[in-house]
C-alpha atoms as a PDB file:
ATOM      1  CA  MET A   1      -6.142-206.447 -75.183  1.00  0.00           C
ATOM      2  CA  PHE A   2      -2.933-207.678 -76.753  1.00  0.00           C
ATOM      3  CA  PRO A   3      -2.091-211.069 -78.350  1.00  0.00           C
ATOM      4  CA  LEU A   4      -0.497-213.824 -76.289  1.00  0.00           C
ATOM      5  CA  LYS A   5       0.893-215.301 -79.545  1.00  0.00           C
ATOM      6  CA  LYS A   6       1.230-213.624 -82.874  1.00  0.00           C
ATOM      7  CA  PRO A   7       2.592-214.534 -86.395  1.00  0.00           C
ATOM      8  CA  GLN A   8       5.612-213.081 -88.014  1.00  0.00           C
ATOM      9  CA  GLN A   9       4.613-209.825 -89.818  1.00  0.00           C
ATOM     10  CA  GLU A  10       5.139-209.640 -93.560  1.00  0.00           C
ATOM     11  CA  PRO A  11       7.125-208.681 -95.545  1.00  0.00           C
ATOM     12  CA  VAL A  12      10.024-211.117 -94.750  1.00  0.00           C
ATOM     13  CA  PHE A  13      13.283-209.190 -95.158  1.00  0.00           C
ATOM     14  CA  SER A  14      15.031-211.956 -97.335  1.00  0.00           C
ATOM     15  CA  THR A  15      12.887-213.079-100.070  1.00  0.00           C
ATOM     16  CA  SER A  16      14.734-216.342-100.434  1.00  0.00           C
ATOM     17  CA  LEU A  17      13.966-217.289 -96.780  1.00  0.00           C
ATOM     18  CA  ARG A  18      10.296-217.794 -96.140  1.00  0.00           C
ATOM     19  CA  LEU A  19      10.342-219.327 -92.722  1.00  0.00           C
ATOM     20  CA  LYS A  20       7.376-218.442 -90.628  1.00  0.00           C
ATOM     21  CA  HIS A  21       7.847-217.803 -86.879  1.00  0.00           C
ATOM     22  CA  TRP A  22       5.410-217.103 -84.113  1.00  0.00           C
ATOM     23  CA  TYR A  23       6.045-214.691 -81.286  1.00  0.00           C
ATOM     24  CA  GLN A  24       4.995-215.569 -77.723  1.00  0.00           C
ATOM     25  CA  LEU A  25       4.336-212.953 -75.074  1.00  0.00           C
ATOM     26  CA  VAL A  26       6.754-213.152 -72.253  1.00  0.00           C
ATOM     27  CA  ALA A  27       6.627-209.902 -70.362  1.00  0.00           C
ATOM     28  CA  VAL A  28       4.440-206.859 -69.961  1.00  0.00           C
ATOM     29  CA  VAL A  29       5.663-203.441 -68.457  1.00  0.00           C
ATOM     30  CA  VAL A  30       2.847-201.298 -66.930  1.00  0.00           C
ATOM     31  CA  HIS A  31       3.127-197.778 -65.672  1.00  0.00           C
ATOM     32  CA  ILE A  32       1.191-196.829 -62.512  1.00  0.00           C
ATOM     33  CA  GLY A  33       0.618-193.142 -62.204  1.00  0.00           C
ATOM     34  CA  ASP A  34       0.370-190.253 -64.509  1.00  0.00           C
ATOM     35  CA  ALA A  35       2.632-188.465 -67.078  1.00  0.00           C
ATOM     36  CA  HIS A  36       4.489-186.467 -64.423  1.00  0.00           C
ATOM     37  CA  SER A  37       5.176-189.193 -61.919  1.00  0.00           C
ATOM     38  CA  GLY A  38       4.611-192.848 -61.361  1.00  0.00           C
ATOM     39  CA  HIS A  39       6.055-196.283 -61.139  1.00  0.00           C
ATOM     40  CA  PHE A  40       6.781-199.200 -63.455  1.00  0.00           C
ATOM     41  CA  ALA A  41       5.902-202.774 -62.635  1.00  0.00           C
ATOM     42  CA  THR A  42       6.333-205.981 -64.764  1.00  0.00           C
ATOM     43  CA  TYR A  43       4.333-209.167 -65.523  1.00  0.00           C
ATOM     44  CA  ARG A  44       6.683-211.858 -66.466  1.00  0.00           C
ATOM     45  CA  ARG A  45       5.923-215.334 -67.862  1.00  0.00           C
ATOM     46  CA  VAL A  46       8.085-218.111 -66.364  1.00  0.00           C
ATOM     47  CA  THR A  47       8.099-221.412 -68.176  1.00  0.00           C
ATOM     48  CA  SER A  48       9.515-224.825 -67.540  1.00  0.00           C
ATOM     49  CA  LYS A  49       9.360-227.993 -69.705  1.00  0.00           C
ATOM     50  CA  LEU A  50       5.854-228.905 -68.536  1.00  0.00           C
ATOM     51  CA  SER A  51       4.078-225.643 -67.654  1.00  0.00           C
ATOM     52  CA  SER A  52       4.221-221.933 -67.313  1.00  0.00           C
ATOM     53  CA  SER A  53       2.932-219.189 -64.971  1.00  0.00           C
ATOM     54  CA  TRP A  54       2.700-215.485 -64.777  1.00  0.00           C
ATOM     55  CA  TRP A  55       4.323-213.392 -62.051  1.00  0.00           C
ATOM     56  CA  TYR A  56       3.731-209.706 -61.002  1.00  0.00           C
ATOM     57  CA  THR A  57       6.941-207.818 -59.830  1.00  0.00           C
ATOM     58  CA  SER A  58       7.078-204.298 -58.419  1.00  0.00           C
ATOM     59  CA  ASP A  59      10.208-203.422 -56.342  1.00  0.00           C
ATOM     60  CA  GLY A  60       9.962-205.927 -53.383  1.00  0.00           C
ATOM     61  CA  ASN A  61       6.486-207.185 -54.299  1.00  0.00           C
ATOM     62  CA  VAL A  62       6.651-210.396 -56.230  1.00  0.00           C
ATOM     63  CA  ARG A  63       3.450-212.599 -56.448  1.00  0.00           C
ATOM     64  CA  LYS A  64       1.985-215.134 -58.801  1.00  0.00           C
ATOM     65  CA  CYS A  65      -0.819-213.774 -60.974  1.00  0.00           C
ATOM     66  CA  SER A  66      -3.357-214.975 -63.463  1.00  0.00           C
ATOM     67  CA  VAL A  67      -3.103-214.514 -67.243  1.00  0.00           C
ATOM     68  CA  MET A  68      -6.448-212.719 -66.982  1.00  0.00           C
ATOM     69  CA  GLU A  69      -4.841-210.032 -64.743  1.00  0.00           C
ATOM     70  CA  VAL A  70      -2.004-209.719 -67.402  1.00  0.00           C
ATOM     71  CA  MET A  71      -4.401-209.426 -70.236  1.00  0.00           C
ATOM     72  CA  GLN A  72      -6.499-206.829 -68.488  1.00  0.00           C
ATOM     73  CA  SER A  73      -3.502-204.676 -67.513  1.00  0.00           C
ATOM     74  CA  SER A  74      -2.805-201.316 -69.176  1.00  0.00           C
ATOM     75  CA  ALA A  75       0.352-202.292 -70.982  1.00  0.00           C
ATOM     76  CA  TYR A  76       3.092-199.706 -71.578  1.00  0.00           C
ATOM     77  CA  MET A  77       5.440-202.063 -73.318  1.00  0.00           C
ATOM     78  CA  LEU A  78       5.178-205.650 -74.605  1.00  0.00           C
ATOM     79  CA  PHE A  79       8.009-208.171 -74.874  1.00  0.00           C
ATOM     80  CA  TYR A  80       7.773-211.197 -77.293  1.00  0.00           C
ATOM     81  CA  THR A  81      10.105-214.079 -77.969  1.00  0.00           C
ATOM     82  CA  ARG A  82      10.475-215.721 -81.295  1.00  0.00           C
ATOM     83  CA  THR A  83       9.189-219.347 -81.490  1.00  0.00           C
ATOM     84  CA  SER A  84      10.395-221.590 -84.407  1.00  0.00           C
ATOM     85  CA  LEU A  85       7.741-223.716 -86.015  1.00  0.00           C
ATOM     86  CA  THR A  86       9.074-227.183 -84.964  1.00  0.00           C
ATOM     87  CA  SER A  87       6.762-229.586 -83.253  1.00  0.00           C
ATOM     88  CA  GLN A  88       8.518-229.252 -79.829  1.00  0.00           C
ATOM     89  CA  SER A  89       8.384-225.412 -79.819  1.00  0.00           C
ATOM     90  CA  ILE A  90       4.770-225.445 -80.965  1.00  0.00           C
ATOM     91  CA  LEU A  91       3.973-227.746 -78.021  1.00  0.00           C
ATOM     92  CA  ALA A  92       5.796-225.344 -75.642  1.00  0.00           C
ATOM     93  CA  ALA A  93       4.147-222.348 -77.237  1.00  0.00           C
ATOM     94  CA  ASN A  94       0.736-223.825 -76.401  1.00  0.00           C
ATOM     95  CA  CYS A  95       1.473-223.683 -72.650  1.00  0.00           C
ATOM     96  CA  VAL A  96      -0.006-220.350 -71.816  1.00  0.00           C
ATOM     97  CA  TYR A  97      -1.230-220.596 -68.307  1.00  0.00           C
END
């Protein structure tokens, strides 16, 4: 399993700037096949002001999926976006499903 949200890792590059950020999972790339051949597919989180949902995309196949399907996938690569610690962004970051 991999985290949906994770804190900024220490150390902070600039010692004068100690802002903490959280990182929100926004996409997961999976590889279907073996080391010699296969296919890549993507799970992508789509957000609006009020909600968010996960979508599976593989060539022409696009369908809505559950966060459990995403979390149970065999991740090849994870993509996170940095979330500032303002009250509005914390509220948006808590919309996982």
